[in-house]
Amino acid sequence: MIYYSAAGSGVAEVKVILSGFVLHGYLGMKTLTFKTLGLILSVSSGLSLGKEGPYVHIAACIGNVACRMFSKYRHNDGKRREVLSASAASGVAVAFGAPIGGVLFSLEE
């Protein structure tokens, strides 16, 4: 079985979601699980794959799952987008080791 939401880096799709387009299931718990497991296995096996893009997608998935736990964020799309923007910025900061890069990503979105 192939789970297409966990394929690729996910940065472009996260930017699309932040701009207001709705992709159902793309930032869910199942995507988070498969993406994290795939990233762990690919990096530990020594494959020359970029891990920076999946870090941004994983951070956005964690932000979305955290938003689902609180009704204030679950029912308000504007607040949810703010949390997703902050979590994607933290993913950029972690991936590249540059907090300023995360701030610039957040300002861009």
PDB file of N, CA and C in Angstrom:
ATOM      1  N   MET A   1       0.847  -1.178   0.000  1.00  0.00           N
ATOM      2  CA  MET A   1       0.000   0.000   0.000  1.00  0.00           C
ATOM      3  C   MET A   1       0.894   1.243   0.000  1.00  0.00           C
ATOM      4  N   ILE A   2       0.550   2.216  -0.792  1.00  0.00           N
ATOM      5  CA  ILE A   2       1.314   3.456  -0.883  1.00  0.00           C
ATOM      6  C   ILE A   2       0.484   4.575  -0.283  1.00  0.00           C
ATOM      7  N   TYR A   3       1.103   5.368   0.574  1.00  0.00           N
ATOM      8  CA  TYR A   3       0.420   6.512   1.184  1.00  0.00           C
ATOM      9  C   TYR A   3       1.025   7.767   0.580  1.00  0.00           C
ATOM     10  N   TYR A   4       0.318   8.377  -0.368  1.00  0.00           N
ATOM     11  CA  TYR A   4       0.869   9.463  -1.168  1.00  0.00           C
ATOM     12  C   TYR A   4       1.034  10.775  -0.405  1.00  0.00           C
ATOM     13  N   SER A   5       0.337  10.960   0.684  1.00  0.00           N
ATOM     14  CA  SER A   5       0.491  12.207   1.433  1.00  0.00           C
ATOM     15  C   SER A   5       1.858  12.313   2.090  1.00  0.00           C
ATOM     16  N   ALA A   6       2.497  11.185   2.337  1.00  0.00           N
ATOM     17  CA  ALA A   6       3.806  11.192   2.982  1.00  0.00           C
ATOM     18  C   ALA A   6       4.947  11.179   1.974  1.00  0.00           C
ATOM     19  N   ALA A   7       4.647  11.230   0.681  1.00  0.00           N
ATOM     20  CA  ALA A   7       5.692  11.200  -0.346  1.00  0.00           C
ATOM     21  C   ALA A   7       6.222  12.606  -0.602  1.00  0.00           C
ATOM     22  N   GLY A   8       7.483  12.686  -0.931  1.00  0.00           N
ATOM     23  CA  GLY A   8       8.088  13.979  -1.253  1.00  0.00           C
ATOM     24  C   GLY A   8       8.455  14.772  -0.025  1.00  0.00           C
ATOM     25  N   SER A   9       8.925  15.984  -0.268  1.00  0.00           N
ATOM     26  CA  SER A   9       9.374  16.798   0.859  1.00  0.00           C
ATOM     27  C   SER A   9       8.203  17.414   1.609  1.00  0.00           C
ATOM     28  N   GLY A  10       7.219  17.930   0.900  1.00  0.00           N
ATOM     29  CA  GLY A  10       6.046  18.485   1.555  1.00  0.00           C
ATOM     30  C   GLY A  10       6.084  19.979   1.780  1.00  0.00           C
ATOM     31  N   VAL A  11       7.189  20.639   1.448  1.00  0.00           N
ATOM     32  CA  VAL A  11       7.294  22.079   1.693  1.00  0.00           C
ATOM     33  C   VAL A  11       6.321  22.847   0.805  1.00  0.00           C
ATOM     34  N   ALA A  12       6.236  22.468  -0.458  1.00  0.00           N
ATOM     35  CA  ALA A  12       5.330  23.173  -1.372  1.00  0.00           C
ATOM     36  C   ALA A  12       3.880  23.016  -0.935  1.00  0.00           C
ATOM     37  N   GLU A  13       3.506  21.831  -0.497  1.00  0.00           N
ATOM     38  CA  GLU A  13       2.139  21.601  -0.060  1.00  0.00           C
ATOM     39  C   GLU A  13       1.831  22.359   1.221  1.00  0.00           C
ATOM     40  N   VAL A  14       2.801  22.454   2.121  1.00  0.00           N
ATOM     41  CA  VAL A  14       2.597  23.227   3.352  1.00  0.00           C
ATOM     42  C   VAL A  14       2.388  24.695   3.010  1.00  0.00           C
ATOM     43  N   LYS A  15       3.136  25.211   2.056  1.00  0.00           N
ATOM     44  CA  LYS A  15       2.950  26.599   1.630  1.00  0.00           C
ATOM     45  C   LYS A  15       1.575  26.800   0.994  1.00  0.00           C
ATOM     46  N   VAL A  16       1.100  25.801   0.260  1.00  0.00           N
ATOM     47  CA  VAL A  16      -0.241  25.885  -0.330  1.00  0.00           C
ATOM     48  C   VAL A  16      -1.303  25.887   0.755  1.00  0.00           C
ATOM     49  N   ILE A  17      -1.141  25.052   1.761  1.00  0.00           N
ATOM     50  CA  ILE A  17      -2.097  25.005   2.872  1.00  0.00           C
ATOM     51  C   ILE A  17      -2.092  26.318   3.638  1.00  0.00           C
ATOM     52  N   LEU A  18      -0.911  26.900   3.830  1.00  0.00           N
ATOM     53  CA  LEU A  18      -0.830  28.185   4.541  1.00  0.00           C
ATOM     54  C   LEU A  18      -1.482  29.319   3.756  1.00  0.00           C
ATOM     55  N   SER A  19      -1.546  29.185   2.436  1.00  0.00           N
ATOM     56  CA  SER A  19      -2.181  30.229   1.642  1.00  0.00           C
ATOM     57  C   SER A  19      -3.703  30.110   1.635  1.00  0.00           C
ATOM     58  N   GLY A  20      -4.252  29.015   2.171  1.00  0.00           N
ATOM     59  CA  GLY A  20      -5.696  28.911   2.325  1.00  0.00           C
ATOM     60  C   GLY A  20      -6.344  27.737   1.627  1.00  0.00           C
ATOM     61  N   PHE A  21      -5.600  26.980   0.838  1.00  0.00           N
ATOM     62  CA  PHE A  21      -6.167  25.826   0.146  1.00  0.00           C
ATOM     63  C   PHE A  21      -6.299  24.670   1.126  1.00  0.00           C
ATOM     64  N   VAL A  22      -7.341  23.869   1.001  1.00  0.00           N
ATOM     65  CA  VAL A  22      -7.598  22.772   1.936  1.00  0.00           C
ATOM     66  C   VAL A  22      -7.190  21.448   1.294  1.00  0.00           C
ATOM     67  N   LEU A  23      -6.291  20.748   1.927  1.00  0.00           N
ATOM     68  CA  LEU A  23      -5.893  19.398   1.528  1.00  0.00           C
ATOM     69  C   LEU A  23      -6.232  18.466   2.681  1.00  0.00           C
ATOM     70  N   HIS A  24      -7.295  17.714   2.539  1.00  0.00           N
ATOM     71  CA  HIS A  24      -7.748  16.846   3.630  1.00  0.00           C
ATOM     72  C   HIS A  24      -6.783  15.681   3.841  1.00  0.00           C
ATOM     73  N   GLY A  25      -6.436  15.441   5.089  1.00  0.00           N
ATOM     74  CA  GLY A  25      -5.584  14.320   5.444  1.00  0.00           C
ATOM     75  C   GLY A  25      -4.103  14.534   5.225  1.00  0.00           C
ATOM     76  N   TYR A  26      -3.714  15.698   4.727  1.00  0.00           N
ATOM     77  CA  TYR A  26      -2.298  15.899   4.417  1.00  0.00           C
ATOM     78  C   TYR A  26      -1.470  16.214   5.656  1.00  0.00           C
ATOM     79  N   LEU A  27      -2.087  16.751   6.694  1.00  0.00           N
ATOM     80  CA  LEU A  27      -1.366  17.082   7.921  1.00  0.00           C
ATOM     81  C   LEU A  27      -1.889  16.261   9.102  1.00  0.00           C
ATOM     82  N   GLY A  28      -2.335  15.068   8.833  1.00  0.00           N
ATOM     83  CA  GLY A  28      -2.923  14.234   9.874  1.00  0.00           C
ATOM     84  C   GLY A  28      -1.919  13.366  10.603  1.00  0.00           C
ATOM     85  N   MET A  29      -2.446  12.595  11.530  1.00  0.00           N
ATOM     86  CA  MET A  29      -1.620  11.716  12.356  1.00  0.00           C
ATOM     87  C   MET A  29      -1.016  10.570  11.537  1.00  0.00           C
ATOM     88  N   LYS A  30      -1.779  10.067  10.560  1.00  0.00           N
ATOM     89  CA  LYS A  30      -1.270   8.975   9.728  1.00  0.00           C
ATOM     90  C   LYS A  30      -0.091   9.450   8.881  1.00  0.00           C
ATOM     91  N   THR A  31      -0.213  10.647   8.324  1.00  0.00           N
ATOM     92  CA  THR A  31       0.887  11.223   7.545  1.00  0.00           C
ATOM     93  C   THR A  31       2.101  11.452   8.429  1.00  0.00           C
ATOM     94  N   LEU A  32       1.867  11.963   9.631  1.00  0.00           N
ATOM     95  CA  LEU A  32       2.958  12.195  10.579  1.00  0.00           C
ATOM     96  C   LEU A  32       3.689  10.899  10.903  1.00  0.00           C
ATOM     97  N   THR A  33       2.944   9.841  11.131  1.00  0.00           N
ATOM     98  CA  THR A  33       3.552   8.555  11.481  1.00  0.00           C
ATOM     99  C   THR A  33       4.400   8.008  10.333  1.00  0.00           C
ATOM    100  N   PHE A  34       3.827   7.974   9.134  1.00  0.00           N
ATOM    101  CA  PHE A  34       4.553   7.412   7.997  1.00  0.00           C
ATOM    102  C   PHE A  34       5.742   8.278   7.593  1.00  0.00           C
ATOM    103  N   LYS A  35       5.579   9.588   7.644  1.00  0.00           N
ATOM    104  CA  LYS A  35       6.664  10.490   7.257  1.00  0.00           C
ATOM    105  C   LYS A  35       7.826  10.375   8.242  1.00  0.00           C
ATOM    106  N   THR A  36       7.518  10.324   9.530  1.00  0.00           N
ATOM    107  CA  THR A  36       8.558  10.205  10.545  1.00  0.00           C
ATOM    108  C   THR A  36       9.296   8.878  10.425  1.00  0.00           C
ATOM    109  N   LEU A  37       8.547   7.800  10.261  1.00  0.00           N
ATOM    110  CA  LEU A  37       9.166   6.482  10.127  1.00  0.00           C
ATOM    111  C   LEU A  37      10.030   6.410   8.865  1.00  0.00           C
ATOM    112  N   GLY A  38       9.523   6.932   7.762  1.00  0.00           N
ATOM    113  CA  GLY A  38      10.303   6.933   6.520  1.00  0.00           C
ATOM    114  C   GLY A  38      11.562   7.770   6.628  1.00  0.00           C
ATOM    115  N   LEU A  39      11.463   8.924   7.309  1.00  0.00           N
ATOM    116  CA  LEU A  39      12.640   9.776   7.472  1.00  0.00           C
ATOM    117  C   LEU A  39      13.685   9.106   8.357  1.00  0.00           C
ATOM    118  N   ILE A  40      13.247   8.480   9.416  1.00  0.00           N
ATOM    119  CA  ILE A  40      14.184   7.780  10.314  1.00  0.00           C
ATOM    120  C   ILE A  40      14.898   6.663   9.559  1.00  0.00           C
ATOM    121  N   LEU A  41      14.146   5.860   8.818  1.00  0.00           N
ATOM    122  CA  LEU A  41      14.751   4.730   8.114  1.00  0.00           C
ATOM    123  C   LEU A  41      15.665   5.176   6.974  1.00  0.00           C
ATOM    124  N   SER A  42      15.272   6.228   6.255  1.00  0.00           N
ATOM    125  CA  SER A  42      16.102   6.658   5.124  1.00  0.00           C
ATOM    126  C   SER A  42      17.398   7.331   5.578  1.00  0.00           C
ATOM    127  N   VAL A  43      17.330   8.137   6.628  1.00  0.00           N
ATOM    128  CA  VAL A  43      18.546   8.797   7.116  1.00  0.00           C
ATOM    129  C   VAL A  43      19.478   7.795   7.791  1.00  0.00           C
ATOM    130  N   SER A  44      18.924   6.863   8.551  1.00  0.00           N
ATOM    131  CA  SER A  44      19.775   5.900   9.253  1.00  0.00           C
ATOM    132  C   SER A  44      20.410   4.890   8.294  1.00  0.00           C
ATOM    133  N   SER A  45      19.798   4.679   7.133  1.00  0.00           N
ATOM    134  CA  SER A  45      20.395   3.739   6.182  1.00  0.00           C
ATOM    135  C   SER A  45      21.503   4.377   5.352  1.00  0.00           C
ATOM    136  N   GLY A  46      21.659   5.688   5.447  1.00  0.00           N
ATOM    137  CA  GLY A  46      22.730   6.362   4.747  1.00  0.00           C
ATOM    138  C   GLY A  46      22.369   6.826   3.349  1.00  0.00           C
ATOM    139  N   LEU A  47      21.096   6.814   3.005  1.00  0.00           N
ATOM    140  CA  LEU A  47      20.692   7.297   1.689  1.00  0.00           C
ATOM    141  C   LEU A  47      20.949   8.795   1.590  1.00  0.00           C
ATOM    142  N   SER A  48      21.329   9.231   0.426  1.00  0.00           N
ATOM    143  CA  SER A  48      21.632  10.653   0.256  1.00  0.00           C
ATOM    144  C   SER A  48      20.350  11.401  -0.128  1.00  0.00           C
ATOM    145  N   LEU A  49      19.444  11.474   0.813  1.00  0.00           N
ATOM    146  CA  LEU A  49      18.188  12.186   0.626  1.00  0.00           C
ATOM    147  C   LEU A  49      18.184  13.418   1.511  1.00  0.00           C
ATOM    148  N   GLY A  50      17.529  14.461   1.058  1.00  0.00           N
ATOM    149  CA  GLY A  50      17.431  15.666   1.872  1.00  0.00           C
ATOM    150  C   GLY A  50      16.446  15.480   3.006  1.00  0.00           C
ATOM    151  N   LYS A  51      16.861  15.824   4.196  1.00  0.00           N
ATOM    152  CA  LYS A  51      15.970  15.694   5.358  1.00  0.00           C
ATOM    153  C   LYS A  51      15.354  17.020   5.751  1.00  0.00           C
ATOM    154  N   GLU A  52      15.711  18.105   5.072  1.00  0.00           N
ATOM    155  CA  GLU A  52      15.241  19.424   5.472  1.00  0.00           C
ATOM    156  C   GLU A  52      13.761  19.621   5.142  1.00  0.00           C
ATOM    157  N   GLY A  53      13.343  19.193   3.967  1.00  0.00           N
ATOM    158  CA  GLY A  53      11.946  19.327   3.571  1.00  0.00           C
ATOM    159  C   GLY A  53      11.003  18.528   4.453  1.00  0.00           C
ATOM    160  N   PRO A  54      11.307  17.251   4.700  1.00  0.00           N
ATOM    161  CA  PRO A  54      10.437  16.488   5.595  1.00  0.00           C
ATOM    162  C   PRO A  54      10.365  17.045   7.020  1.00  0.00           C
ATOM    163  N   TYR A  55      11.420  17.721   7.493  1.00  0.00           N
ATOM    164  CA  TYR A  55      11.344  18.346   8.811  1.00  0.00           C
ATOM    165  C   TYR A  55      10.246  19.409   8.852  1.00  0.00           C
ATOM    166  N   VAL A  56      10.123  20.179   7.794  1.00  0.00           N
ATOM    167  CA  VAL A  56       9.095  21.213   7.740  1.00  0.00           C
ATOM    168  C   VAL A  56       7.716  20.575   7.719  1.00  0.00           C
ATOM    169  N   HIS A  57       7.554  19.513   6.939  1.00  0.00           N
ATOM    170  CA  HIS A  57       6.262  18.830   6.866  1.00  0.00           C
ATOM    171  C   HIS A  57       5.909  18.177   8.193  1.00  0.00           C
ATOM    172  N   ILE A  58       6.876  17.552   8.840  1.00  0.00           N
ATOM    173  CA  ILE A  58       6.623  16.916  10.133  1.00  0.00           C
ATOM    174  C   ILE A  58       6.243  17.954  11.183  1.00  0.00           C
ATOM    175  N   ALA A  59       6.921  19.091  11.189  1.00  0.00           N
ATOM    176  CA  ALA A  59       6.588  20.150  12.152  1.00  0.00           C
ATOM    177  C   ALA A  59       5.182  20.682  11.909  1.00  0.00           C
ATOM    178  N   ALA A  60       4.790  20.819  10.649  1.00  0.00           N
ATOM    179  CA  ALA A  60       3.437  21.283  10.347  1.00  0.00           C
ATOM    180  C   ALA A  60       2.393  20.241  10.761  1.00  0.00           C
ATOM    181  N   CYS A  61       2.713  18.963  10.592  1.00  0.00           N
ATOM    182  CA  CYS A  61       1.802  17.903  11.039  1.00  0.00           C
ATOM    183  C   CYS A  61       1.627  17.936  12.554  1.00  0.00           C
ATOM    184  N   ILE A  62       2.718  18.143  13.279  1.00  0.00           N
ATOM    185  CA  ILE A  62       2.629  18.221  14.742  1.00  0.00           C
ATOM    186  C   ILE A  62       1.798  19.428  15.161  1.00  0.00           C
ATOM    187  N   GLY A  63       1.974  20.563  14.482  1.00  0.00           N
ATOM    188  CA  GLY A  63       1.170  21.740  14.782  1.00  0.00           C
ATOM    189  C   GLY A  63      -0.303  21.508  14.510  1.00  0.00           C
ATOM    190  N   ASN A  64      -0.630  20.794  13.431  1.00  0.00           N
ATOM    191  CA  ASN A  64      -2.031  20.516  13.113  1.00  0.00           C
ATOM    192  C   ASN A  64      -2.651  19.556  14.116  1.00  0.00           C
ATOM    193  N   VAL A  65      -1.912  18.531  14.507  1.00  0.00           N
ATOM    194  CA  VAL A  65      -2.425  17.581  15.497  1.00  0.00           C
ATOM    195  C   VAL A  65      -2.626  18.283  16.839  1.00  0.00           C
ATOM    196  N   ALA A  66      -1.729  19.187  17.190  1.00  0.00           N
ATOM    197  CA  ALA A  66      -1.890  19.949  18.436  1.00  0.00           C
ATOM    198  C   ALA A  66      -3.100  20.878  18.356  1.00  0.00           C
ATOM    199  N   CYS A  67      -3.378  21.429  17.177  1.00  0.00           N
ATOM    200  CA  CYS A  67      -4.555  22.300  17.006  1.00  0.00           C
ATOM    201  C   CYS A  67      -5.856  21.534  17.196  1.00  0.00           C
ATOM    202  N   ARG A  68      -5.868  20.279  16.834  1.00  0.00           N
ATOM    203  CA  ARG A  68      -7.086  19.477  16.967  1.00  0.00           C
ATOM    204  C   ARG A  68      -7.464  19.217  18.414  1.00  0.00           C
ATOM    205  N   MET A  69      -6.512  19.335  19.332  1.00  0.00           N
ATOM    206  CA  MET A  69      -6.789  19.034  20.739  1.00  0.00           C
ATOM    207  C   MET A  69      -7.537  20.159  21.442  1.00  0.00           C
ATOM    208  N   PHE A  70      -7.497  21.376  20.901  1.00  0.00           N
ATOM    209  CA  PHE A  70      -8.120  22.523  21.550  1.00  0.00           C
ATOM    210  C   PHE A  70      -9.225  23.075  20.658  1.00  0.00           C
ATOM    211  N   SER A  71     -10.403  23.291  21.236  1.00  0.00           N
ATOM    212  CA  SER A  71     -11.546  23.745  20.433  1.00  0.00           C
ATOM    213  C   SER A  71     -11.342  25.164  19.906  1.00  0.00           C
ATOM    214  N   LYS A  72     -10.557  25.980  20.595  1.00  0.00           N
ATOM    215  CA  LYS A  72     -10.287  27.341  20.134  1.00  0.00           C
ATOM    216  C   LYS A  72      -9.617  27.330  18.766  1.00  0.00           C
ATOM    217  N   TYR A  73      -8.728  26.390  18.537  1.00  0.00           N
ATOM    218  CA  TYR A  73      -8.002  26.297  17.280  1.00  0.00           C
ATOM    219  C   TYR A  73      -8.695  25.365  16.284  1.00  0.00           C
ATOM    220  N   ARG A  74      -9.463  24.412  16.783  1.00  0.00           N
ATOM    221  CA  ARG A  74     -10.130  23.452  15.912  1.00  0.00           C
ATOM    222  C   ARG A  74     -11.207  24.119  15.059  1.00  0.00           C
ATOM    223  N   HIS A  75     -11.895  25.116  15.610  1.00  0.00           N
ATOM    224  CA  HIS A  75     -13.017  25.739  14.919  1.00  0.00           C
ATOM    225  C   HIS A  75     -12.664  27.061  14.249  1.00  0.00           C
ATOM    226  N   ASN A  76     -11.449  27.545  14.405  1.00  0.00           N
ATOM    227  CA  ASN A  76     -11.064  28.837  13.840  1.00  0.00           C
ATOM    228  C   ASN A  76      -9.904  28.620  12.863  1.00  0.00           C
ATOM    229  N   ASP A  77     -10.183  28.783  11.565  1.00  0.00           N
ATOM    230  CA  ASP A  77      -9.151  28.530  10.554  1.00  0.00           C
ATOM    231  C   ASP A  77      -8.032  29.561  10.582  1.00  0.00           C
ATOM    232  N   GLY A  78      -8.343  30.792  10.968  1.00  0.00           N
ATOM    233  CA  GLY A  78      -7.300  31.814  11.053  1.00  0.00           C
ATOM    234  C   GLY A  78      -6.278  31.497  12.124  1.00  0.00           C
ATOM    235  N   LYS A  79      -6.764  31.098  13.297  1.00  0.00           N
ATOM    236  CA  LYS A  79      -5.852  30.721  14.387  1.00  0.00           C
ATOM    237  C   LYS A  79      -5.051  29.476  14.019  1.00  0.00           C
ATOM    238  N   ARG A  80      -5.708  28.516  13.361  1.00  0.00           N
ATOM    239  CA  ARG A  80      -5.010  27.305  12.968  1.00  0.00           C
ATOM    240  C   ARG A  80      -3.895  27.625  11.973  1.00  0.00           C
ATOM    241  N   ARG A  81      -4.159  28.544  11.045  1.00  0.00           N
ATOM    242  CA  ARG A  81      -3.138  28.923  10.073  1.00  0.00           C
ATOM    243  C   ARG A  81      -1.955  29.605  10.753  1.00  0.00           C
ATOM    244  N   GLU A  82      -2.232  30.382  11.805  1.00  0.00           N
ATOM    245  CA  GLU A  82      -1.133  31.009  12.554  1.00  0.00           C
ATOM    246  C   GLU A  82      -0.252  29.960  13.220  1.00  0.00           C
ATOM    247  N   VAL A  83      -0.879  28.944  13.809  1.00  0.00           N
ATOM    248  CA  VAL A  83      -0.113  27.878  14.459  1.00  0.00           C
ATOM    249  C   VAL A  83       0.658  27.080  13.418  1.00  0.00           C
ATOM    250  N   LEU A  84       0.042  26.811  12.267  1.00  0.00           N
ATOM    251  CA  LEU A  84       0.744  26.081  11.212  1.00  0.00           C
ATOM    252  C   LEU A  84       1.926  26.876  10.672  1.00  0.00           C
ATOM    253  N   SER A  85       1.765  28.185  10.565  1.00  0.00           N
ATOM    254  CA  SER A  85       2.873  29.020  10.108  1.00  0.00           C
ATOM    255  C   SER A  85       4.023  28.996  11.111  1.00  0.00           C
ATOM    256  N   ALA A  86       3.696  29.072  12.389  1.00  0.00           N
ATOM    257  CA  ALA A  86       4.735  29.031  13.421  1.00  0.00           C
ATOM    258  C   ALA A  86       5.419  27.665  13.468  1.00  0.00           C
ATOM    259  N   SER A  87       4.647  26.592  13.306  1.00  0.00           N
ATOM    260  CA  SER A  87       5.261  25.266  13.348  1.00  0.00           C
ATOM    261  C   SER A  87       6.107  25.008  12.103  1.00  0.00           C
ATOM    262  N   ALA A  88       5.671  25.489  10.938  1.00  0.00           N
ATOM    263  CA  ALA A  88       6.492  25.344   9.742  1.00  0.00           C
ATOM    264  C   ALA A  88       7.780  26.158   9.863  1.00  0.00           C
ATOM    265  N   ALA A  89       7.690  27.340  10.471  1.00  0.00           N
ATOM    266  CA  ALA A  89       8.889  28.151  10.695  1.00  0.00           C
ATOM    267  C   ALA A  89       9.848  27.452  11.648  1.00  0.00           C
ATOM    268  N   SER A  90       9.305  26.782  12.656  1.00  0.00           N
ATOM    269  CA  SER A  90      10.184  26.040  13.572  1.00  0.00           C
ATOM    270  C   SER A  90      10.820  24.850  12.857  1.00  0.00           C
ATOM    271  N   GLY A  91      10.104  24.233  11.921  1.00  0.00           N
ATOM    272  CA  GLY A  91      10.694  23.153  11.128  1.00  0.00           C
ATOM    273  C   GLY A  91      11.833  23.645  10.259  1.00  0.00           C
ATOM    274  N   VAL A  92      11.678  24.829   9.668  1.00  0.00           N
ATOM    275  CA  VAL A  92      12.762  25.422   8.875  1.00  0.00           C
ATOM    276  C   VAL A  92      13.962  25.730   9.763  1.00  0.00           C
ATOM    277  N   ALA A  93      13.696  26.273  10.951  1.00  0.00           N
ATOM    278  CA  ALA A  93      14.780  26.622  11.865  1.00  0.00           C
ATOM    279  C   ALA A  93      15.540  25.375  12.319  1.00  0.00           C
ATOM    280  N   VAL A  94      14.833  24.292  12.586  1.00  0.00           N
ATOM    281  CA  VAL A  94      15.486  23.055  13.014  1.00  0.00           C
ATOM    282  C   VAL A  94      16.248  22.410  11.853  1.00  0.00           C
ATOM    283  N   ALA A  95      15.654  22.410  10.685  1.00  0.00           N
ATOM    284  CA  ALA A  95      16.274  21.729   9.540  1.00  0.00           C
ATOM    285  C   ALA A  95      17.586  22.376   9.135  1.00  0.00           C
ATOM    286  N   PHE A  96      17.631  23.683   9.123  1.00  0.00           N
ATOM    287  CA  PHE A  96      18.830  24.367   8.651  1.00  0.00           C
ATOM    288  C   PHE A  96      19.707  24.896   9.784  1.00  0.00           C
ATOM    289  N   GLY A  97      19.274  24.755  11.018  1.00  0.00           N
ATOM    290  CA  GLY A  97      20.061  25.228  12.150  1.00  0.00           C
ATOM    291  C   GLY A  97      20.174  26.739  12.195  1.00  0.00           C
ATOM    292  N   ALA A  98      19.159  27.419  11.675  1.00  0.00           N
ATOM    293  CA  ALA A  98      19.202  28.878  11.611  1.00  0.00           C
ATOM    294  C   ALA A  98      17.846  29.448  12.039  1.00  0.00           C
ATOM    295  N   PRO A  99      17.752  29.957  13.256  1.00  0.00           N
ATOM    296  CA  PRO A  99      16.474  30.528  13.708  1.00  0.00           C
ATOM    297  C   PRO A  99      16.017  31.713  12.860  1.00  0.00           C
ATOM    298  N   ILE A 100      16.958  32.455  12.302  1.00  0.00           N
ATOM    299  CA  ILE A 100      16.591  33.591  11.457  1.00  0.00           C
ATOM    300  C   ILE A 100      15.886  33.097  10.190  1.00  0.00           C
ATOM    301  N   GLY A 101      16.289  31.941   9.678  1.00  0.00           N
ATOM    302  CA  GLY A 101      15.621  31.362   8.518  1.00  0.00           C
ATOM    303  C   GLY A 101      14.171  31.035   8.808  1.00  0.00           C
ATOM    304  N   GLY A 102      13.887  30.544  10.017  1.00  0.00           N
ATOM    305  CA  GLY A 102      12.507  30.282  10.416  1.00  0.00           C
ATOM    306  C   GLY A 102      11.683  31.554  10.497  1.00  0.00           C
ATOM    307  N   VAL A 103      12.292  32.609  11.014  1.00  0.00           N
ATOM    308  CA  VAL A 103      11.589  33.903  11.102  1.00  0.00           C
ATOM    309  C   VAL A 103      11.307  34.431   9.704  1.00  0.00           C
ATOM    310  N   LEU A 104      12.268  34.321   8.807  1.00  0.00           N
ATOM    311  CA  LEU A 104      12.071  34.794   7.448  1.00  0.00           C
ATOM    312  C   LEU A 104      11.003  33.982   6.717  1.00  0.00           C
ATOM    313  N   PHE A 105      10.961  32.677   6.954  1.00  0.00           N
ATOM    314  CA  PHE A 105       9.915  31.835   6.362  1.00  0.00           C
ATOM    315  C   PHE A 105       8.550  32.263   6.882  1.00  0.00           C
ATOM    316  N   SER A 106       8.450  32.528   8.151  1.00  0.00           N
ATOM    317  CA  SER A 106       7.178  32.957   8.744  1.00  0.00           C
ATOM    318  C   SER A 106       6.741  34.301   8.185  1.00  0.00           C
ATOM    319  N   LEU A 107       7.676  35.221   7.998  1.00  0.00           N
ATOM    320  CA  LEU A 107       7.334  36.520   7.437  1.00  0.00           C
ATOM    321  C   LEU A 107       6.920  36.411   5.974  1.00  0.00           C
ATOM    322  N   GLU A 108       7.506  35.460   5.265  1.00  0.00           N
ATOM    323  CA  GLU A 108       7.154  35.256   3.862  1.00  0.00           C
ATOM    324  C   GLU A 108       5.717  34.759   3.737  1.00  0.00           C
ATOM    325  N   GLU A 109       5.312  33.918   4.640  1.00  0.00           N
ATOM    326  CA  GLU A 109       3.951  33.384   4.594  1.00  0.00           C
ATOM    327  C   GLU A 109       3.001  34.307   5.281  1.00  0.00           C
TER     328      GLU A 109
END
